[in-house]
């Protein structure tokens, strides 16, 4: 862990495997970190970051992208095993949200619509899930190799960066 203001390392924590992505939750004052193998999400307290507070066993291969719904108290984890998994932080319950079109990269949650966007570089799509109903809404074609997204939550726009054609595609969600 690094104190950015002081530009110093303030703590280290030994993780049980390769980290993939992390998010911070203000309510629990913890970092949640995806571990590729063994498939886990670990919680690390911000105040005492040298130890792992909790471990959530992910029932799919290779946790990759991760995002947080702070109001709904859920983590959304896109796994290399082509599954989107939700972890309910208050209960610890783990639920399969749906299958992905391929191995994922980044995940973004849009709280206004209750949608999760998952970039899948092969075949080149964005899988859009409704997390209130826990179902796939649509699969939006992008371009093979497109695995980086940005989301404008105010305007409900998703930007997919297309490396092969050197463009960005804009998806308007409703």
N, C-alpha and C. Protein backbone atom coordinates (compact mmCIF):
# COMPACT_ATOMS: atom_id res chain seq x y z
N UNK A 1 0.85 -1.16 0.00
CA UNK A 1 0.00 0.00 0.00
C UNK A 1 0.90 1.23 0.00
N UNK A 2 0.47 2.23 -0.75
CA UNK A 2 1.28 3.43 -0.92
C UNK A 2 0.51 4.65 -0.44
N UNK A 3 1.18 5.50 0.32
CA UNK A 3 0.65 6.81 0.68
C UNK A 3 1.06 7.73 -0.47
N UNK A 4 0.11 8.06 -1.33
CA UNK A 4 0.41 8.83 -2.53
C UNK A 4 0.93 10.22 -2.17
N UNK A 5 0.32 10.85 -1.16
CA UNK A 5 0.76 12.18 -0.75
C UNK A 5 2.20 12.20 -0.28
N UNK A 6 2.58 11.18 0.47
CA UNK A 6 3.94 11.09 1.01
C UNK A 6 4.89 10.35 0.06
N UNK A 7 4.33 9.68 -0.95
CA UNK A 7 5.13 8.91 -1.91
C UNK A 7 5.97 7.84 -1.22
N UNK A 8 5.33 7.14 -0.28
CA UNK A 8 6.04 6.09 0.45
C UNK A 8 5.16 4.85 0.59
N UNK A 9 5.82 3.71 0.69
CA UNK A 9 5.13 2.46 0.96
C UNK A 9 4.80 2.44 2.45
N UNK A 10 3.51 2.23 2.78
CA UNK A 10 3.11 2.22 4.18
C UNK A 10 2.84 0.82 4.71
N UNK A 11 2.60 -0.12 3.81
CA UNK A 11 2.35 -1.50 4.24
C UNK A 11 2.45 -2.43 3.04
N UNK A 12 2.74 -3.68 3.33
CA UNK A 12 2.68 -4.71 2.29
C UNK A 12 1.82 -5.85 2.83
N UNK A 13 1.17 -6.52 1.93
CA UNK A 13 0.35 -7.67 2.31
C UNK A 13 0.68 -8.81 1.35
N UNK A 14 0.86 -9.98 1.88
CA UNK A 14 1.12 -11.15 1.06
C UNK A 14 -0.24 -11.67 0.58
N UNK A 15 -0.41 -11.70 -0.73
CA UNK A 15 -1.67 -12.17 -1.32
C UNK A 15 -1.56 -13.66 -1.64
N UNK A 16 -2.68 -14.36 -1.68
CA UNK A 16 -2.66 -15.80 -1.93
C UNK A 16 -2.47 -16.18 -3.40
N UNK A 17 -2.30 -15.20 -4.28
CA UNK A 17 -2.11 -15.45 -5.70
C UNK A 17 -1.99 -14.13 -6.44
N UNK A 18 -2.00 -14.22 -7.77
CA UNK A 18 -1.82 -13.03 -8.62
C UNK A 18 -3.04 -12.12 -8.54
N UNK A 19 -2.84 -10.83 -8.18
CA UNK A 19 -3.97 -9.90 -8.17
C UNK A 19 -4.31 -9.46 -9.59
N UNK A 20 -5.61 -9.20 -9.83
CA UNK A 20 -6.05 -8.77 -11.16
C UNK A 20 -6.66 -7.38 -11.15
N UNK A 21 -7.52 -7.08 -10.18
CA UNK A 21 -8.20 -5.79 -10.14
C UNK A 21 -8.60 -5.52 -8.70
N UNK A 22 -8.78 -4.26 -8.36
CA UNK A 22 -9.17 -3.91 -7.00
C UNK A 22 -10.13 -2.73 -7.00
N UNK A 23 -11.00 -2.70 -6.00
CA UNK A 23 -11.90 -1.56 -5.78
C UNK A 23 -11.88 -1.24 -4.29
N UNK A 24 -12.27 -0.01 -3.96
CA UNK A 24 -12.33 0.42 -2.57
C UNK A 24 -13.78 0.70 -2.20
N UNK A 25 -14.18 0.24 -1.02
CA UNK A 25 -15.53 0.48 -0.50
C UNK A 25 -15.43 1.39 0.72
N UNK A 26 -16.02 2.58 0.62
CA UNK A 26 -15.97 3.54 1.73
C UNK A 26 -16.69 3.02 2.97
N UNK A 27 -17.80 2.32 2.77
CA UNK A 27 -18.61 1.86 3.91
C UNK A 27 -17.85 0.88 4.81
N UNK A 28 -17.14 -0.04 4.19
CA UNK A 28 -16.38 -1.01 4.98
C UNK A 28 -14.93 -0.58 5.19
N UNK A 29 -14.54 0.53 4.54
CA UNK A 29 -13.15 1.01 4.60
C UNK A 29 -12.19 -0.12 4.24
N UNK A 30 -12.51 -0.81 3.14
CA UNK A 30 -11.69 -1.95 2.72
C UNK A 30 -11.47 -1.93 1.21
N UNK A 31 -10.35 -2.51 0.83
CA UNK A 31 -10.05 -2.77 -0.57
C UNK A 31 -10.48 -4.21 -0.86
N UNK A 32 -11.11 -4.42 -1.99
CA UNK A 32 -11.48 -5.76 -2.44
C UNK A 32 -10.63 -6.05 -3.67
N UNK A 33 -9.91 -7.17 -3.62
CA UNK A 33 -8.92 -7.50 -4.64
C UNK A 33 -9.23 -8.86 -5.25
N UNK A 34 -9.32 -8.90 -6.59
CA UNK A 34 -9.48 -10.16 -7.29
C UNK A 34 -8.16 -10.91 -7.30
N UNK A 35 -8.20 -12.20 -7.02
CA UNK A 35 -7.04 -13.07 -7.09
C UNK A 35 -7.35 -14.11 -8.18
N UNK A 36 -6.45 -14.21 -9.18
CA UNK A 36 -6.69 -15.08 -10.33
C UNK A 36 -6.73 -16.56 -9.94
N UNK A 37 -5.73 -17.00 -9.17
CA UNK A 37 -5.64 -18.41 -8.82
C UNK A 37 -4.92 -18.52 -7.48
N UNK A 38 -5.58 -19.06 -6.48
CA UNK A 38 -6.92 -19.63 -6.47
C UNK A 38 -7.97 -18.53 -6.66
N UNK A 39 -9.12 -18.89 -7.25
CA UNK A 39 -10.14 -17.87 -7.54
C UNK A 39 -10.79 -17.32 -6.27
N UNK A 40 -10.36 -16.12 -5.91
CA UNK A 40 -10.83 -15.48 -4.68
C UNK A 40 -11.02 -13.98 -4.89
N UNK A 41 -11.79 -13.40 -3.99
CA UNK A 41 -11.77 -11.96 -3.76
C UNK A 41 -11.38 -11.81 -2.30
N UNK A 42 -10.35 -11.02 -2.04
CA UNK A 42 -9.93 -10.80 -0.66
C UNK A 42 -10.24 -9.37 -0.25
N UNK A 43 -10.56 -9.18 1.02
CA UNK A 43 -10.82 -7.86 1.58
C UNK A 43 -9.63 -7.48 2.46
N UNK A 44 -9.12 -6.27 2.22
CA UNK A 44 -8.00 -5.75 2.99
C UNK A 44 -8.43 -4.44 3.63
N UNK A 45 -8.36 -4.37 4.95
CA UNK A 45 -8.76 -3.15 5.66
C UNK A 45 -7.79 -2.02 5.35
N UNK A 46 -8.34 -0.84 5.07
CA UNK A 46 -7.50 0.31 4.75
C UNK A 46 -6.67 0.75 5.96
N UNK A 47 -7.23 0.65 7.16
CA UNK A 47 -6.51 1.12 8.36
C UNK A 47 -5.39 0.18 8.78
N UNK A 48 -5.57 -1.11 8.52
CA UNK A 48 -4.53 -2.11 8.84
C UNK A 48 -4.30 -2.96 7.60
N UNK A 49 -3.64 -2.38 6.59
CA UNK A 49 -3.57 -3.04 5.28
C UNK A 49 -2.56 -4.18 5.18
N UNK A 50 -1.99 -4.61 6.27
CA UNK A 50 -1.00 -5.69 6.18
C UNK A 50 -1.61 -7.07 6.32
N UNK A 51 -2.94 -7.15 6.54
CA UNK A 51 -3.58 -8.46 6.68
C UNK A 51 -4.85 -8.54 5.84
N UNK A 52 -5.22 -9.75 5.51
CA UNK A 52 -6.45 -10.01 4.78
C UNK A 52 -7.57 -10.23 5.79
N UNK A 53 -8.64 -9.44 5.69
CA UNK A 53 -9.75 -9.52 6.63
C UNK A 53 -10.73 -10.63 6.26
N UNK A 54 -11.04 -10.75 4.97
CA UNK A 54 -12.01 -11.75 4.52
C UNK A 54 -11.57 -12.33 3.19
N UNK A 55 -12.07 -13.54 2.91
CA UNK A 55 -11.84 -14.21 1.63
C UNK A 55 -13.19 -14.71 1.13
N UNK A 56 -13.46 -14.42 -0.12
CA UNK A 56 -14.68 -14.92 -0.77
C UNK A 56 -14.24 -15.87 -1.88
N UNK A 57 -14.66 -17.13 -1.79
CA UNK A 57 -14.32 -18.11 -2.82
C UNK A 57 -15.20 -17.87 -4.04
N UNK A 58 -14.59 -17.60 -5.16
CA UNK A 58 -15.31 -17.34 -6.40
C UNK A 58 -15.51 -18.66 -7.13
N UNK A 59 -16.76 -19.00 -7.50
CA UNK A 59 -17.04 -20.30 -8.10
C UNK A 59 -16.80 -20.35 -9.61
N UNK A 60 -15.83 -19.58 -10.09
CA UNK A 60 -15.50 -19.57 -11.51
C UNK A 60 -14.00 -19.35 -11.65
N UNK A 61 -13.44 -19.81 -12.74
CA UNK A 61 -12.01 -19.70 -12.99
C UNK A 61 -11.60 -18.26 -13.28
N UNK A 62 -10.51 -17.82 -12.66
CA UNK A 62 -9.84 -16.59 -13.03
C UNK A 62 -10.58 -15.29 -12.82
N UNK A 63 -10.91 -14.89 -11.59
CA UNK A 63 -11.48 -13.56 -11.39
C UNK A 63 -10.62 -12.50 -12.07
N UNK A 64 -11.26 -11.63 -12.83
CA UNK A 64 -10.53 -10.65 -13.63
C UNK A 64 -11.01 -9.24 -13.30
N UNK A 65 -12.03 -8.75 -14.03
CA UNK A 65 -12.56 -7.41 -13.78
C UNK A 65 -13.43 -7.38 -12.54
N UNK A 66 -13.46 -6.22 -11.87
CA UNK A 66 -14.21 -6.10 -10.61
C UNK A 66 -14.76 -4.69 -10.49
N UNK A 67 -16.01 -4.57 -10.06
CA UNK A 67 -16.58 -3.27 -9.72
C UNK A 67 -17.54 -3.44 -8.56
N UNK A 68 -17.96 -2.31 -8.00
CA UNK A 68 -18.73 -2.28 -6.76
C UNK A 68 -20.01 -1.48 -6.95
N UNK A 69 -21.10 -2.02 -6.40
CA UNK A 69 -22.35 -1.28 -6.24
C UNK A 69 -22.41 -0.91 -4.76
N UNK A 70 -21.99 0.31 -4.39
CA UNK A 70 -21.94 0.65 -2.97
C UNK A 70 -23.31 0.71 -2.31
N UNK A 71 -24.33 1.10 -3.04
CA UNK A 71 -25.68 1.18 -2.46
C UNK A 71 -26.29 -0.21 -2.30
N UNK A 72 -26.14 -1.05 -3.31
CA UNK A 72 -26.68 -2.41 -3.27
C UNK A 72 -25.80 -3.39 -2.53
N UNK A 73 -24.58 -2.94 -2.13
CA UNK A 73 -23.65 -3.76 -1.34
C UNK A 73 -23.22 -5.02 -2.07
N UNK A 74 -22.92 -4.87 -3.38
CA UNK A 74 -22.49 -6.02 -4.18
C UNK A 74 -21.20 -5.72 -4.92
N UNK A 75 -20.37 -6.74 -5.04
CA UNK A 75 -19.23 -6.71 -5.95
C UNK A 75 -19.63 -7.48 -7.19
N UNK A 76 -19.20 -7.02 -8.36
CA UNK A 76 -19.42 -7.74 -9.61
C UNK A 76 -18.06 -8.14 -10.15
N UNK A 77 -17.89 -9.44 -10.32
CA UNK A 77 -16.61 -10.03 -10.71
C UNK A 77 -16.78 -10.79 -12.01
N UNK A 78 -16.07 -10.32 -13.06
CA UNK A 78 -16.07 -11.02 -14.34
C UNK A 78 -14.89 -11.97 -14.37
N UNK A 79 -15.15 -13.23 -14.68
CA UNK A 79 -14.14 -14.28 -14.57
C UNK A 79 -13.73 -14.82 -15.93
N UNK A 80 -12.45 -15.23 -16.02
CA UNK A 80 -11.93 -15.82 -17.25
C UNK A 80 -12.70 -17.07 -17.66
N UNK A 81 -13.36 -17.73 -16.71
CA UNK A 81 -14.20 -18.88 -16.99
C UNK A 81 -15.52 -18.49 -17.64
N UNK A 82 -15.63 -17.23 -18.08
CA UNK A 82 -16.77 -16.70 -18.84
C UNK A 82 -18.05 -16.63 -18.02
N UNK A 83 -17.90 -16.21 -16.77
CA UNK A 83 -19.07 -16.01 -15.90
C UNK A 83 -18.95 -14.68 -15.17
N UNK A 84 -20.11 -14.04 -14.96
CA UNK A 84 -20.20 -12.85 -14.12
C UNK A 84 -20.80 -13.28 -12.80
N UNK A 85 -20.10 -12.95 -11.71
CA UNK A 85 -20.49 -13.38 -10.37
C UNK A 85 -20.74 -12.15 -9.51
N UNK A 86 -21.75 -12.21 -8.65
CA UNK A 86 -22.02 -11.15 -7.68
C UNK A 86 -21.71 -11.66 -6.28
N UNK A 87 -21.06 -10.82 -5.49
CA UNK A 87 -20.78 -11.13 -4.09
C UNK A 87 -21.51 -10.08 -3.26
N UNK A 88 -22.43 -10.54 -2.41
CA UNK A 88 -23.18 -9.64 -1.53
C UNK A 88 -22.33 -9.41 -0.28
N UNK A 89 -21.87 -8.19 -0.11
CA UNK A 89 -20.92 -7.90 0.97
C UNK A 89 -21.51 -8.08 2.36
N UNK A 90 -22.78 -7.78 2.55
CA UNK A 90 -23.37 -7.89 3.89
C UNK A 90 -23.61 -9.33 4.31
N UNK A 91 -24.00 -10.19 3.36
CA UNK A 91 -24.32 -11.58 3.71
C UNK A 91 -23.21 -12.56 3.34
N UNK A 92 -22.33 -12.17 2.43
CA UNK A 92 -21.31 -13.09 1.94
C UNK A 92 -21.82 -14.03 0.86
N UNK A 93 -23.11 -13.92 0.51
CA UNK A 93 -23.71 -14.79 -0.51
C UNK A 93 -23.06 -14.50 -1.86
N UNK A 94 -22.79 -15.58 -2.60
CA UNK A 94 -22.20 -15.47 -3.93
C UNK A 94 -23.20 -16.04 -4.93
N UNK A 95 -23.44 -15.29 -6.00
CA UNK A 95 -24.48 -15.65 -6.96
C UNK A 95 -23.96 -15.50 -8.38
N UNK A 96 -24.30 -16.45 -9.24
CA UNK A 96 -23.99 -16.34 -10.66
C UNK A 96 -24.98 -15.38 -11.29
N UNK A 97 -24.47 -14.32 -11.92
CA UNK A 97 -25.34 -13.36 -12.61
C UNK A 97 -25.64 -13.86 -14.01
N UNK A 98 -24.62 -14.35 -14.71
CA UNK A 98 -24.83 -14.86 -16.06
C UNK A 98 -23.53 -15.25 -16.72
N UNK A 99 -23.68 -15.86 -17.90
CA UNK A 99 -22.53 -16.27 -18.68
C UNK A 99 -22.09 -15.15 -19.59
N UNK A 100 -20.77 -15.08 -19.82
CA UNK A 100 -20.17 -14.07 -20.67
C UNK A 100 -19.90 -14.64 -22.06
N UNK A 101 -19.72 -13.74 -23.02
CA UNK A 101 -19.48 -14.14 -24.41
C UNK A 101 -18.07 -14.68 -24.64
N UNK A 102 -17.19 -14.50 -23.68
CA UNK A 102 -15.81 -14.94 -23.78
C UNK A 102 -15.06 -14.50 -22.54
N UNK A 103 -13.74 -14.70 -22.52
CA UNK A 103 -12.95 -14.24 -21.38
C UNK A 103 -13.01 -12.71 -21.28
N UNK A 104 -13.29 -12.17 -20.09
CA UNK A 104 -13.51 -10.74 -19.94
C UNK A 104 -12.24 -9.95 -19.64
N UNK A 105 -12.43 -8.66 -19.64
CA UNK A 105 -11.41 -7.76 -19.12
C UNK A 105 -12.07 -6.87 -18.08
N UNK A 106 -12.35 -5.62 -18.43
CA UNK A 106 -12.87 -4.68 -17.44
C UNK A 106 -14.37 -4.81 -17.24
N UNK A 107 -14.81 -4.35 -16.06
CA UNK A 107 -16.21 -4.35 -15.66
C UNK A 107 -16.52 -2.97 -15.10
N UNK A 108 -17.67 -2.42 -15.50
CA UNK A 108 -18.13 -1.16 -14.91
C UNK A 108 -19.59 -1.30 -14.53
N UNK A 109 -19.94 -0.74 -13.37
CA UNK A 109 -21.31 -0.72 -12.88
C UNK A 109 -21.87 0.68 -13.06
N UNK A 110 -23.09 0.77 -13.59
CA UNK A 110 -23.80 2.05 -13.74
C UNK A 110 -24.94 2.05 -12.73
N UNK A 111 -24.81 2.80 -11.62
CA UNK A 111 -25.84 2.76 -10.58
C UNK A 111 -27.17 3.34 -11.01
N UNK A 112 -27.16 4.29 -11.94
CA UNK A 112 -28.42 4.91 -12.38
C UNK A 112 -29.33 3.93 -13.08
N UNK A 113 -28.76 3.05 -13.88
CA UNK A 113 -29.55 2.07 -14.63
C UNK A 113 -29.53 0.68 -13.99
N UNK A 114 -28.60 0.45 -13.07
CA UNK A 114 -28.46 -0.89 -12.50
C UNK A 114 -27.90 -1.86 -13.51
N UNK A 115 -27.01 -1.36 -14.38
CA UNK A 115 -26.42 -2.20 -15.42
C UNK A 115 -24.93 -2.40 -15.16
N UNK A 116 -24.45 -3.58 -15.53
CA UNK A 116 -23.03 -3.88 -15.50
C UNK A 116 -22.60 -4.11 -16.94
N UNK A 117 -21.46 -3.49 -17.31
CA UNK A 117 -20.90 -3.63 -18.66
C UNK A 117 -19.60 -4.41 -18.54
N UNK A 118 -19.48 -5.46 -19.36
CA UNK A 118 -18.28 -6.30 -19.34
C UNK A 118 -17.68 -6.30 -20.73
N UNK A 119 -16.42 -5.87 -20.83
CA UNK A 119 -15.71 -5.89 -22.11
C UNK A 119 -15.16 -7.29 -22.34
N UNK A 120 -15.42 -7.82 -23.54
CA UNK A 120 -14.92 -9.13 -23.92
C UNK A 120 -14.19 -8.95 -25.26
N UNK A 121 -12.85 -9.02 -25.21
CA UNK A 121 -12.04 -8.77 -26.40
C UNK A 121 -12.17 -9.81 -27.49
N UNK A 122 -12.47 -11.04 -27.13
CA UNK A 122 -12.66 -12.09 -28.12
C UNK A 122 -13.96 -12.80 -27.80
N UNK A 123 -15.02 -12.50 -28.52
CA UNK A 123 -15.10 -12.10 -29.92
C UNK A 123 -15.12 -10.60 -30.19
N UNK A 124 -15.10 -9.74 -29.20
CA UNK A 124 -15.18 -8.30 -29.42
C UNK A 124 -16.59 -7.79 -29.18
N UNK A 125 -17.02 -7.81 -27.91
CA UNK A 125 -18.38 -7.39 -27.55
C UNK A 125 -18.37 -6.74 -26.17
N UNK A 126 -19.49 -6.09 -25.87
CA UNK A 126 -19.79 -5.64 -24.51
C UNK A 126 -21.03 -6.41 -24.08
N UNK A 127 -20.91 -7.18 -23.02
CA UNK A 127 -22.07 -7.85 -22.44
C UNK A 127 -22.69 -6.90 -21.42
N UNK A 128 -24.00 -6.65 -21.56
CA UNK A 128 -24.72 -5.72 -20.69
C UNK A 128 -25.70 -6.52 -19.83
N UNK A 129 -25.54 -6.41 -18.50
CA UNK A 129 -26.38 -7.14 -17.56
C UNK A 129 -27.23 -6.18 -16.74
N UNK A 130 -28.47 -6.59 -16.46
CA UNK A 130 -29.33 -5.90 -15.51
C UNK A 130 -29.13 -6.62 -14.18
N UNK A 131 -28.55 -5.92 -13.20
CA UNK A 131 -28.23 -6.61 -11.94
C UNK A 131 -29.42 -6.68 -11.00
N UNK A 132 -30.47 -5.93 -11.26
CA UNK A 132 -31.67 -6.06 -10.43
C UNK A 132 -32.39 -7.36 -10.76
N UNK A 133 -32.40 -7.71 -12.05
CA UNK A 133 -33.04 -8.96 -12.48
C UNK A 133 -32.05 -10.10 -12.65
N UNK A 134 -30.77 -9.78 -12.52
CA UNK A 134 -29.68 -10.76 -12.67
C UNK A 134 -29.80 -11.50 -14.00
N UNK A 135 -29.80 -10.70 -15.09
CA UNK A 135 -29.88 -11.33 -16.41
C UNK A 135 -29.14 -10.50 -17.45
N UNK A 136 -28.72 -11.19 -18.51
CA UNK A 136 -28.08 -10.54 -19.65
C UNK A 136 -29.14 -9.80 -20.44
N UNK A 137 -28.92 -8.50 -20.66
CA UNK A 137 -29.86 -7.70 -21.45
C UNK A 137 -29.54 -7.76 -22.93
N UNK A 138 -28.26 -7.56 -23.24
CA UNK A 138 -27.85 -7.59 -24.64
C UNK A 138 -26.35 -7.75 -24.75
N UNK A 139 -25.93 -8.12 -25.94
CA UNK A 139 -24.52 -8.21 -26.28
C UNK A 139 -24.28 -7.27 -27.45
N UNK A 140 -23.45 -6.26 -27.21
CA UNK A 140 -23.21 -5.21 -28.20
C UNK A 140 -21.89 -5.50 -28.91
N UNK A 141 -21.92 -5.66 -30.25
CA UNK A 141 -20.67 -5.92 -30.98
C UNK A 141 -19.75 -4.69 -30.96
N UNK A 142 -18.46 -4.94 -30.79
CA UNK A 142 -17.47 -3.86 -30.85
C UNK A 142 -16.47 -4.21 -31.95
N UNK A 143 -15.35 -4.78 -31.57
CA UNK A 143 -14.31 -5.19 -32.52
C UNK A 143 -13.41 -6.18 -31.79
N UNK A 144 -12.96 -7.20 -32.49
CA UNK A 144 -12.07 -8.18 -31.86
C UNK A 144 -10.87 -7.45 -31.26
N UNK A 145 -10.56 -7.79 -30.02
CA UNK A 145 -9.45 -7.16 -29.32
C UNK A 145 -9.85 -5.96 -28.50
N UNK A 146 -11.10 -5.55 -28.61
CA UNK A 146 -11.58 -4.40 -27.83
C UNK A 146 -11.91 -4.87 -26.42
N UNK A 147 -11.04 -4.50 -25.48
CA UNK A 147 -11.24 -4.95 -24.10
C UNK A 147 -11.14 -3.82 -23.09
N UNK A 148 -11.11 -2.58 -23.57
CA UNK A 148 -11.03 -1.43 -22.67
C UNK A 148 -12.27 -0.57 -22.81
N UNK A 149 -12.89 -0.25 -21.69
CA UNK A 149 -14.10 0.57 -21.67
C UNK A 149 -13.91 1.79 -20.78
N UNK A 150 -14.75 2.78 -21.03
CA UNK A 150 -14.95 3.89 -20.10
C UNK A 150 -16.45 4.13 -20.07
N UNK A 151 -16.96 4.57 -18.92
CA UNK A 151 -18.40 4.76 -18.77
C UNK A 151 -18.68 6.16 -18.26
N UNK A 152 -19.60 6.85 -18.94
CA UNK A 152 -20.12 8.14 -18.47
C UNK A 152 -21.46 7.82 -17.81
N UNK A 153 -21.48 7.75 -16.49
CA UNK A 153 -22.68 7.34 -15.76
C UNK A 153 -23.78 8.39 -15.82
N UNK A 154 -23.42 9.65 -15.98
CA UNK A 154 -24.43 10.71 -16.06
C UNK A 154 -25.21 10.64 -17.37
N UNK A 155 -24.50 10.37 -18.46
CA UNK A 155 -25.14 10.33 -19.78
C UNK A 155 -25.48 8.92 -20.23
N UNK A 156 -25.15 7.91 -19.41
CA UNK A 156 -25.40 6.50 -19.74
C UNK A 156 -24.75 6.09 -21.06
N UNK A 157 -23.51 6.53 -21.25
CA UNK A 157 -22.75 6.18 -22.45
C UNK A 157 -21.57 5.30 -22.07
N UNK A 158 -21.32 4.31 -22.92
CA UNK A 158 -20.19 3.41 -22.74
C UNK A 158 -19.28 3.59 -23.95
N UNK A 159 -18.01 3.81 -23.68
CA UNK A 159 -17.02 4.01 -24.73
C UNK A 159 -16.15 2.77 -24.81
N UNK A 160 -16.10 2.16 -25.98
CA UNK A 160 -15.26 0.98 -26.20
C UNK A 160 -14.12 1.40 -27.12
N UNK A 161 -12.91 1.11 -26.70
CA UNK A 161 -11.75 1.49 -27.48
C UNK A 161 -11.36 0.33 -28.38
N UNK A 162 -11.24 0.63 -29.69
CA UNK A 162 -11.07 -0.39 -30.73
C UNK A 162 -9.63 -0.34 -31.25
N UNK A 163 -8.76 -1.21 -30.76
CA UNK A 163 -7.34 -1.10 -31.09
C UNK A 163 -7.01 -1.41 -32.55
N UNK A 164 -7.72 -2.32 -33.18
CA UNK A 164 -7.39 -2.70 -34.56
C UNK A 164 -7.67 -1.57 -35.55
N UNK A 165 -8.76 -0.84 -35.34
CA UNK A 165 -9.13 0.24 -36.27
C UNK A 165 -8.81 1.63 -35.74
N UNK A 166 -8.20 1.71 -34.55
CA UNK A 166 -7.79 2.98 -33.96
C UNK A 166 -8.97 3.94 -33.80
N UNK A 167 -10.06 3.41 -33.25
CA UNK A 167 -11.27 4.22 -33.06
C UNK A 167 -11.82 3.96 -31.67
N UNK A 168 -12.86 4.73 -31.34
CA UNK A 168 -13.64 4.47 -30.14
C UNK A 168 -15.10 4.39 -30.57
N UNK A 169 -15.80 3.38 -30.09
CA UNK A 169 -17.23 3.23 -30.37
C UNK A 169 -18.00 3.70 -29.14
N UNK A 170 -19.14 4.35 -29.38
CA UNK A 170 -19.95 4.87 -28.29
C UNK A 170 -21.29 4.13 -28.29
N UNK A 171 -21.62 3.56 -27.14
CA UNK A 171 -22.88 2.84 -26.96
C UNK A 171 -23.74 3.66 -26.00
N UNK A 172 -24.93 4.02 -26.44
CA UNK A 172 -25.88 4.77 -25.61
C UNK A 172 -26.81 3.77 -24.94
N UNK A 173 -26.73 3.65 -23.63
CA UNK A 173 -27.59 2.73 -22.89
C UNK A 173 -28.87 3.47 -22.49
N UNK A 174 -29.94 2.71 -22.36
CA UNK A 174 -31.23 3.30 -21.94
C UNK A 174 -31.86 2.47 -20.84
